[in-house]
Amino acid sequence: MSERLGKCAKVTVDDIPTIWGRTVWSASHRVLIGTSMSAPFPILFITATRIGDAVLSSGLIKRLADEIPNARFTIVAGPDAAPLFPAVPNLARVIVMEKSKSGSHWFELWQKVRHTKWGLIVDLRGSGISRFLSTKRRAIHKKSGQPTHKVLEAARVLKIEDEPAPPHIFTNPDVEAYADELTRGSGPILAMAPAANWVGKTWPVERFSQVAMKLLRGYGPMAGGRLMVLGGPGDEKLARGLKDVAGKGFIDLIGKADLLTAFACLKRARLFIGNDSGAMHLAAASGCPTIGLFGPSDERLYAPWGPHTRVVRGPRSYEEIRAVDPAFGQALCHMMDLPVETVVSAAKDLLKATEPANA
């Protein structure tokens, strides 16, 4: 970009979306807000409740931080997603907002943020709270009429869909050092996340085990490698089902690593395979070659984002599965028709496509 906000003597309201994703901005669009670039520019960023959605929109924070050097972020997130953000630069605070059935969580949030004169409010939940707050500019999420990937949907909020911001998670040196310690050893790392938030989109752990054996043992493409398993509290039994595959080369992070540590560990993995979940999106955001296993999930919205990612599903489309379980409320696994060999084949293809040039 030839023009950046950091080089401007004055910030203007209408210039913000003009600069994002573009190389020039016109003086005819200037509406001065009378703030020098040395003064803090407070941004209220309201993100998702779920981890996966928060990861997919996280690139907006990176874009804002790059384009507005004096930005100071207050990030609002649900309890599960909030641990993604403590390393964001120029962070004022993270507000954990837990939903209440009465909707009182919005009033409680308003009480916490109403005394600040915001430079920008980004509301990815599409609420009306910004209308009751003092701000120079609002960027509010609106539902798309057509199936649209969540990264592109988030980009539209800031009018940067022609140059969408890829997911980006900030870490710090302490997190990276701990990840080095956890992954210390020899041999490539195969990362797996066999859990999901619903049995319907959870591929059987026995099949994860079979895939791991075919990749890590004998003449497999990752022979001699290690197996790293990720998940949250309550998923420990899944780790037990995979431990024997790797023996001493087993890295168990289930319930033992926070989100930032898991993300940093994934940056050190050679390949990730997992159900459609927050862990899958973390893996893709880390740059690790990622295979997402899909069934009752719409890849048009939730495919892992990035050049080194693949979606694998069985013979049935999302629409065909939904026809059987319209409300997705059945306690029934919709992943049983995804064969082990299909996943192994996709893994081999992705490993070959991402093989280092000096290998």
Protein backbone atom coordinates (compact mmCIF):
# COMPACT_ATOMS: atom_id res chain seq x y z
CA MET A 1 0.00 0.00 0.00
CA SER A 2 1.37 3.42 -0.91
CA GLU A 3 -0.65 5.17 1.78
CA ARG A 4 -1.04 4.02 5.36
CA LEU A 5 -2.80 5.59 8.26
CA GLY A 6 0.48 5.68 10.13
CA LYS A 7 1.81 8.21 7.62
CA CYS A 8 -1.14 10.61 7.81
CA ALA A 9 -1.08 13.68 10.01
CA LYS A 10 -4.83 13.42 10.62
CA VAL A 11 -7.21 10.50 10.66
CA THR A 12 -10.52 10.72 8.87
CA VAL A 13 -13.63 8.66 9.40
CA ASP A 14 -14.38 7.89 5.77
CA ASP A 15 -10.73 7.22 4.93
CA ILE A 16 -10.57 4.07 7.05
CA PRO A 17 -12.43 1.74 4.66
CA THR A 18 -10.87 3.54 1.69
CA ILE A 19 -7.36 2.66 2.79
CA TRP A 20 -8.06 -0.95 3.76
CA GLY A 21 -7.41 -3.10 0.72
CA ARG A 22 -6.59 -0.16 -1.55
CA THR A 23 -3.50 1.84 -2.54
CA VAL A 24 -4.85 5.37 -2.70
CA TRP A 25 -7.40 7.53 -0.94
CA SER A 26 -9.03 10.69 -2.13
CA ALA A 27 -9.05 14.02 -0.35
CA SER A 28 -12.69 14.31 -1.33
CA HIS A 29 -13.51 11.55 1.15
CA ARG A 30 -11.89 13.25 4.15
CA VAL A 31 -14.02 13.89 7.17
CA LEU A 32 -11.60 15.02 9.85
CA ILE A 33 -12.07 13.61 13.31
CA GLY A 34 -9.38 15.82 14.83
CA THR A 35 -7.16 13.11 16.28
CA SER A 36 -3.43 12.99 15.68
CA MET A 37 -1.78 9.65 15.02
CA SER A 38 0.14 9.95 18.30
CA ALA A 39 -3.07 9.80 20.33
CA PRO A 40 -4.58 6.39 21.14
CA PHE A 41 -7.32 5.28 18.77
CA PRO A 42 -9.63 3.09 20.87
CA ILE A 43 -11.25 0.19 19.04
CA LEU A 44 -14.00 -1.96 20.51
CA PHE A 45 -13.87 -5.32 18.75
CA ILE A 46 -16.80 -7.64 19.50
CA THR A 47 -16.04 -11.12 18.25
CA ALA A 48 -17.62 -14.54 18.35
CA THR A 49 -18.55 -16.90 21.15
CA ARG A 50 -17.16 -20.04 19.47
CA ILE A 51 -13.45 -20.63 18.99
CA GLY A 52 -13.65 -21.45 15.29
CA ASP A 53 -15.63 -18.33 14.38
CA ALA A 54 -13.29 -16.16 16.45
CA VAL A 55 -10.25 -17.61 14.69
CA LEU A 56 -11.76 -17.07 11.24
CA SER A 57 -12.36 -13.37 11.92
CA SER A 58 -9.10 -12.80 13.82
CA GLY A 59 -7.33 -11.43 10.76
CA LEU A 60 -9.36 -8.23 11.08
CA ILE A 61 -7.47 -7.41 14.28
CA LYS A 62 -4.16 -7.88 12.49
CA ARG A 63 -5.30 -5.67 9.62
CA LEU A 64 -6.45 -2.94 12.00
CA ALA A 65 -3.22 -3.13 13.99
CA ASP A 66 -1.17 -2.82 10.80
CA GLU A 67 -3.17 0.08 9.37
CA ILE A 68 -3.73 2.03 12.59
CA PRO A 69 -0.45 1.94 14.55
CA ASN A 70 -1.94 3.83 17.49
CA ALA A 71 -4.95 1.52 17.77
CA ARG A 72 -5.77 0.35 21.27
CA PHE A 73 -7.98 -2.72 21.39
CA THR A 74 -10.72 -3.75 23.76
CA ILE A 75 -11.83 -7.22 22.66
CA VAL A 76 -15.14 -8.76 23.67
CA ALA A 77 -15.40 -12.54 23.30
CA GLY A 78 -17.19 -15.54 24.74
CA PRO A 79 -15.54 -17.60 27.51
CA ASP A 80 -14.23 -20.24 25.09
CA ALA A 81 -12.76 -17.80 22.57
CA ALA A 82 -11.38 -15.16 24.95
CA PRO A 83 -8.07 -17.02 25.59
CA LEU A 84 -7.15 -16.43 21.91
CA PHE A 85 -6.45 -12.75 22.46
CA PRO A 86 -4.14 -11.93 25.43
CA ALA A 87 -1.12 -11.41 23.15
CA VAL A 88 -2.80 -8.90 20.81
CA PRO A 89 -0.56 -5.81 20.56
CA ASN A 90 -1.77 -2.60 22.16
CA LEU A 91 -4.41 -4.51 24.07
CA ALA A 92 -6.36 -2.52 26.63
CA ARG A 93 -8.32 -5.51 27.91
CA VAL A 94 -10.29 -8.60 26.99
CA ILE A 95 -13.88 -8.61 28.20
CA VAL A 96 -15.37 -12.07 28.62
CA MET A 97 -19.06 -11.92 27.76
CA GLU A 98 -21.11 -14.91 28.75
CA LYS A 99 -24.54 -15.18 27.14
CA SER A 100 -27.59 -15.05 29.36
CA LYS A 101 -31.01 -16.30 28.36
CA SER A 102 -32.52 -12.95 29.25
CA GLY A 103 -30.11 -11.05 27.01
CA SER A 104 -28.81 -9.05 29.97
CA HIS A 105 -25.22 -9.69 28.85
CA TRP A 106 -25.55 -6.83 26.35
CA PHE A 107 -26.61 -4.38 29.06
CA GLU A 108 -23.75 -5.54 31.26
CA LEU A 109 -21.31 -5.01 28.37
CA TRP A 110 -22.75 -1.55 27.71
CA GLN A 111 -22.13 -0.61 31.33
CA LYS A 112 -18.47 -1.63 31.00
CA VAL A 113 -17.72 0.26 27.78
CA ARG A 114 -20.09 3.24 27.71
CA HIS A 115 -17.65 5.73 29.26
CA THR A 116 -15.14 5.44 26.40
CA LYS A 117 -15.32 7.60 23.28
CA TRP A 118 -14.49 4.97 20.69
CA GLY A 119 -12.71 5.62 17.44
CA LEU A 120 -14.19 2.50 15.87
CA ILE A 121 -16.59 -0.24 16.95
CA VAL A 122 -16.41 -3.53 15.05
CA ASP A 123 -19.36 -5.73 15.96
CA LEU A 124 -19.16 -9.19 14.41
CA ARG A 125 -22.28 -10.31 16.26
CA GLY A 126 -24.45 -7.78 14.48
CA SER A 127 -25.97 -6.38 17.65
CA GLY A 128 -27.33 -2.89 18.17
CA ILE A 129 -25.04 -1.97 21.06
CA SER A 130 -22.94 0.46 19.02
CA ARG A 131 -26.00 2.67 18.56
CA PHE A 132 -25.93 3.36 22.28
CA LEU A 133 -22.19 4.11 22.46
CA SER A 134 -20.13 7.11 21.48
CA THR A 135 -18.03 6.26 18.42
CA LYS A 136 -16.69 7.95 15.31
CA ARG A 137 -17.35 4.94 13.14
CA ARG A 138 -19.25 1.65 13.25
CA ALA A 139 -18.62 -1.57 11.31
CA ILE A 140 -21.49 -3.97 11.94
CA HIS A 141 -21.83 -7.52 10.68
CA LYS A 142 -24.80 -8.27 8.46
CA LYS A 143 -25.89 -11.74 7.44
CA SER A 144 -25.15 -12.67 3.87
CA GLY A 145 -27.98 -13.70 1.60
CA GLN A 146 -25.82 -16.37 -0.04
CA PRO A 147 -23.58 -19.01 1.56
CA THR A 148 -20.32 -17.14 2.15
CA HIS A 149 -17.14 -18.27 3.84
CA LYS A 150 -16.77 -16.77 7.30
CA VAL A 151 -13.44 -15.12 6.42
CA LEU A 152 -15.05 -13.30 3.51
CA GLU A 153 -18.11 -12.48 5.61
CA ALA A 154 -15.86 -10.88 8.21
CA ALA A 155 -13.94 -8.99 5.51
CA ARG A 156 -17.16 -7.39 4.30
CA VAL A 157 -17.61 -5.78 7.69
CA LEU A 158 -14.54 -3.64 6.98
CA LYS A 159 -15.19 -3.48 3.22
CA ILE A 160 -12.02 -5.42 2.40
CA GLU A 161 -13.57 -8.43 0.65
CA ASP A 162 -11.30 -7.79 -2.36
CA GLU A 163 -8.33 -8.39 -0.04
CA PRO A 164 -9.67 -10.48 2.86
CA ALA A 165 -7.62 -10.71 6.02
CA PRO A 166 -6.49 -14.30 6.65
CA PRO A 167 -6.86 -15.58 10.22
CA HIS A 168 -4.04 -14.43 12.48
CA ILE A 169 -3.38 -15.30 16.11
CA PHE A 170 -0.79 -13.33 18.08
CA THR A 171 1.54 -15.10 20.50
CA ASN A 172 4.51 -13.95 22.58
CA PRO A 173 8.04 -15.24 23.28
CA ASP A 174 7.00 -17.09 26.43
CA VAL A 175 4.31 -19.03 24.58
CA GLU A 176 6.70 -19.87 21.74
CA ALA A 177 9.37 -21.04 24.19
CA TYR A 178 6.87 -23.30 25.95
CA ALA A 179 5.76 -24.73 22.60
CA ASP A 180 9.40 -25.48 21.79
CA GLU A 181 9.65 -27.36 25.07
CA LEU A 182 6.47 -29.35 24.51
CA THR A 183 7.42 -30.38 20.97
CA ARG A 184 11.11 -30.99 21.57
CA GLY A 185 12.33 -34.16 19.90
CA SER A 186 13.10 -35.61 16.51
CA GLY A 187 10.82 -36.63 13.69
CA PRO A 188 7.95 -34.82 11.96
CA ILE A 189 4.80 -34.18 13.96
CA LEU A 190 1.39 -35.44 12.87
CA ALA A 191 -1.20 -33.39 14.76
CA MET A 192 -4.72 -34.73 15.28
CA ALA A 193 -7.84 -33.33 16.91
CA PRO A 194 -10.37 -36.18 17.14
CA ALA A 195 -12.96 -34.23 19.15
CA ALA A 196 -15.81 -31.98 18.01
CA ASN A 197 -18.64 -30.11 19.71
CA TRP A 198 -21.25 -32.63 18.58
CA VAL A 199 -21.24 -36.39 18.00
CA GLY A 200 -22.74 -35.84 14.55
CA LYS A 201 -19.49 -34.43 13.16
CA THR A 202 -17.05 -36.56 15.14
CA TRP A 203 -15.16 -39.12 13.08
CA PRO A 204 -14.53 -42.30 15.15
CA VAL A 205 -11.26 -42.19 17.09
CA GLU A 206 -10.48 -45.74 15.89
CA ARG A 207 -10.26 -44.38 12.37
CA PHE A 208 -7.95 -41.58 13.44
CA SER A 209 -5.77 -44.32 14.91
CA GLN A 210 -5.73 -46.26 11.65
CA VAL A 211 -4.77 -43.16 9.68
CA ALA A 212 -1.97 -42.38 12.12
CA MET A 213 -0.59 -45.92 11.80
CA LYS A 214 -0.60 -45.74 8.00
CA LEU A 215 1.25 -42.43 8.03
CA LEU A 216 3.72 -42.96 10.89
CA ARG A 217 4.63 -46.64 10.70
CA GLY A 218 6.46 -48.86 8.24
CA TYR A 219 6.87 -47.16 4.89
CA GLY A 220 4.37 -44.40 5.60
CA PRO A 221 5.23 -40.88 4.41
CA MET A 222 5.85 -39.73 7.99
CA ALA A 223 7.57 -42.91 9.20
CA GLY A 224 9.45 -42.33 12.44
CA GLY A 225 7.41 -39.27 13.20
CA ARG A 226 5.52 -38.28 16.30
CA LEU A 227 1.81 -37.93 17.07
CA MET A 228 0.46 -34.82 18.79
CA VAL A 229 -3.16 -34.89 19.97
CA LEU A 230 -5.18 -31.80 20.81
CA GLY A 231 -8.48 -31.32 22.61
CA GLY A 232 -10.14 -29.73 25.59
CA PRO A 233 -11.01 -30.90 29.08
CA GLY A 234 -13.21 -33.98 28.87
CA ASP A 235 -11.53 -35.30 25.72
CA GLU A 236 -8.86 -37.26 27.59
CA LYS A 237 -10.27 -40.65 26.65
CA LEU A 238 -9.61 -39.82 23.00
CA ALA A 239 -5.92 -39.45 23.76
CA ARG A 240 -5.86 -42.90 25.34
CA GLY A 241 -7.23 -44.33 22.11
CA LEU A 242 -4.29 -42.90 20.15
CA LYS A 243 -1.37 -43.22 22.54
CA ASP A 244 -0.31 -46.71 21.47
CA VAL A 245 0.14 -45.61 17.87
CA ALA A 246 3.19 -43.45 18.58
CA GLY A 247 4.60 -44.94 21.77
CA LYS A 248 7.35 -42.65 23.07
CA GLY A 249 6.68 -40.21 20.25
CA PHE A 250 3.32 -39.23 21.70
CA ILE A 251 2.63 -35.58 22.56
CA ASP A 252 -0.56 -35.30 24.60
CA LEU A 253 -1.92 -31.75 24.72
CA ILE A 254 -5.54 -32.64 25.51
CA GLY A 255 -6.68 -30.52 28.42
CA LYS A 256 -3.06 -29.52 29.09
CA ALA A 257 -2.40 -26.63 26.70
CA ASP A 258 -4.29 -23.36 26.43
CA LEU A 259 -5.34 -22.08 23.02
CA LEU A 260 -2.25 -19.96 22.40
CA THR A 261 0.08 -22.79 23.37
CA ALA A 262 -1.81 -25.23 21.16
CA PHE A 263 -1.59 -22.76 18.28
CA ALA A 264 2.15 -22.34 18.76
CA CYS A 265 2.62 -26.12 18.87
CA LEU A 266 0.65 -26.48 15.63
CA LYS A 267 3.13 -24.15 13.93
CA ARG A 268 5.70 -26.87 14.54
CA ALA A 269 3.61 -29.71 13.08
CA ARG A 270 4.08 -31.17 9.60
CA LEU A 271 0.42 -32.12 9.09
CA PHE A 272 -2.90 -31.70 10.89
CA ILE A 273 -5.98 -33.92 10.55
CA GLY A 274 -9.13 -33.18 12.48
CA ASN A 275 -12.90 -32.79 12.54
CA ASP A 276 -14.49 -29.44 11.78
CA SER A 277 -13.63 -27.68 15.03
CA GLY A 278 -11.81 -24.77 16.58
CA ALA A 279 -8.61 -26.83 16.56
CA MET A 280 -8.90 -27.29 12.79
CA HIS A 281 -9.13 -23.53 12.26
CA LEU A 282 -6.21 -22.94 14.64
CA ALA A 283 -4.14 -25.40 12.63
CA ALA A 284 -4.91 -23.68 9.34
CA ALA A 285 -4.19 -20.27 10.87
CA SER A 286 -0.82 -21.54 12.09
CA GLY A 287 0.24 -22.40 8.54
CA CYS A 288 0.32 -26.13 9.22
CA PRO A 289 -0.95 -28.16 6.23
CA THR A 290 -4.48 -28.95 7.34
CA ILE A 291 -7.06 -31.58 6.45
CA GLY A 292 -10.56 -30.93 7.73
CA LEU A 293 -12.97 -33.86 7.97
CA PHE A 294 -16.47 -32.75 7.07
CA GLY A 295 -19.92 -34.28 7.22
CA PRO A 296 -22.80 -32.23 8.67
CA SER A 297 -20.80 -29.00 8.21
CA ASP A 298 -20.97 -26.66 5.23
CA GLU A 299 -17.49 -26.21 3.78
CA ARG A 300 -18.70 -23.18 1.85
CA LEU A 301 -18.83 -21.42 5.22
CA TYR A 302 -16.32 -23.28 7.37
CA ALA A 303 -13.61 -24.85 5.23
CA PRO A 304 -10.15 -24.37 6.75
CA TRP A 305 -8.72 -21.17 5.26
CA GLY A 306 -5.38 -21.07 3.49
CA PRO A 307 -3.43 -22.39 0.50
CA HIS A 308 -2.31 -25.58 2.24
CA THR A 309 -5.69 -26.85 3.38
CA ARG A 310 -8.06 -29.55 2.17
CA VAL A 311 -11.63 -30.59 2.93
CA VAL A 312 -12.38 -34.32 2.93
CA ARG A 313 -15.85 -35.80 3.20
CA GLY A 314 -17.59 -39.08 2.46
CA PRO A 315 -19.85 -39.70 -0.55
CA ARG A 316 -22.70 -37.58 0.83
CA SER A 317 -22.86 -33.81 0.43
CA TYR A 318 -23.78 -31.44 3.22
CA GLU A 319 -27.25 -31.06 1.70
CA GLU A 320 -27.78 -34.83 1.60
CA ILE A 321 -26.85 -35.18 5.25
CA ARG A 322 -29.07 -32.29 6.24
CA ALA A 323 -32.00 -33.90 4.45
CA VAL A 324 -31.71 -36.83 6.87
CA ASP A 325 -31.26 -34.67 9.98
CA PRO A 326 -32.74 -31.21 9.16
CA ALA A 327 -32.24 -29.70 12.61
CA PHE A 328 -28.93 -31.48 13.26
CA GLY A 329 -30.33 -32.59 16.57
CA GLN A 330 -29.97 -36.35 16.33
CA ALA A 331 -27.43 -38.13 18.53
CA LEU A 332 -26.14 -39.83 15.43
CA CYS A 333 -22.68 -39.77 13.85
CA HIS A 334 -22.93 -38.54 10.27
CA MET A 335 -19.27 -39.31 9.56
CA MET A 336 -19.40 -43.09 9.35
CA ASP A 337 -19.32 -43.14 5.53
CA LEU A 338 -15.94 -41.38 5.40
CA PRO A 339 -13.39 -44.17 4.74
CA VAL A 340 -9.93 -44.32 6.26
CA GLU A 341 -8.33 -44.68 2.84
CA THR A 342 -9.91 -41.44 1.62
CA VAL A 343 -8.28 -39.55 4.47
CA VAL A 344 -4.93 -41.31 4.05
CA SER A 345 -4.91 -40.51 0.33
CA ALA A 346 -5.66 -36.84 1.01
CA ALA A 347 -2.90 -36.75 3.63
CA LYS A 348 -0.33 -38.19 1.24
CA ASP A 349 -1.32 -35.75 -1.48
CA LEU A 350 -1.08 -32.75 0.85
CA LEU A 351 2.26 -33.90 2.25
CA LYS A 352 3.62 -34.16 -1.26
CA ALA A 353 2.21 -30.78 -2.28
CA THR A 354 3.78 -29.07 0.75
CA GLU A 355 7.10 -30.87 0.74
CA PRO A 356 9.95 -28.45 1.50
CA ALA A 357 12.04 -27.54 -1.52
CA ASN A 358 15.25 -28.77 0.14
CA ALA A 359 13.76 -32.12 1.22
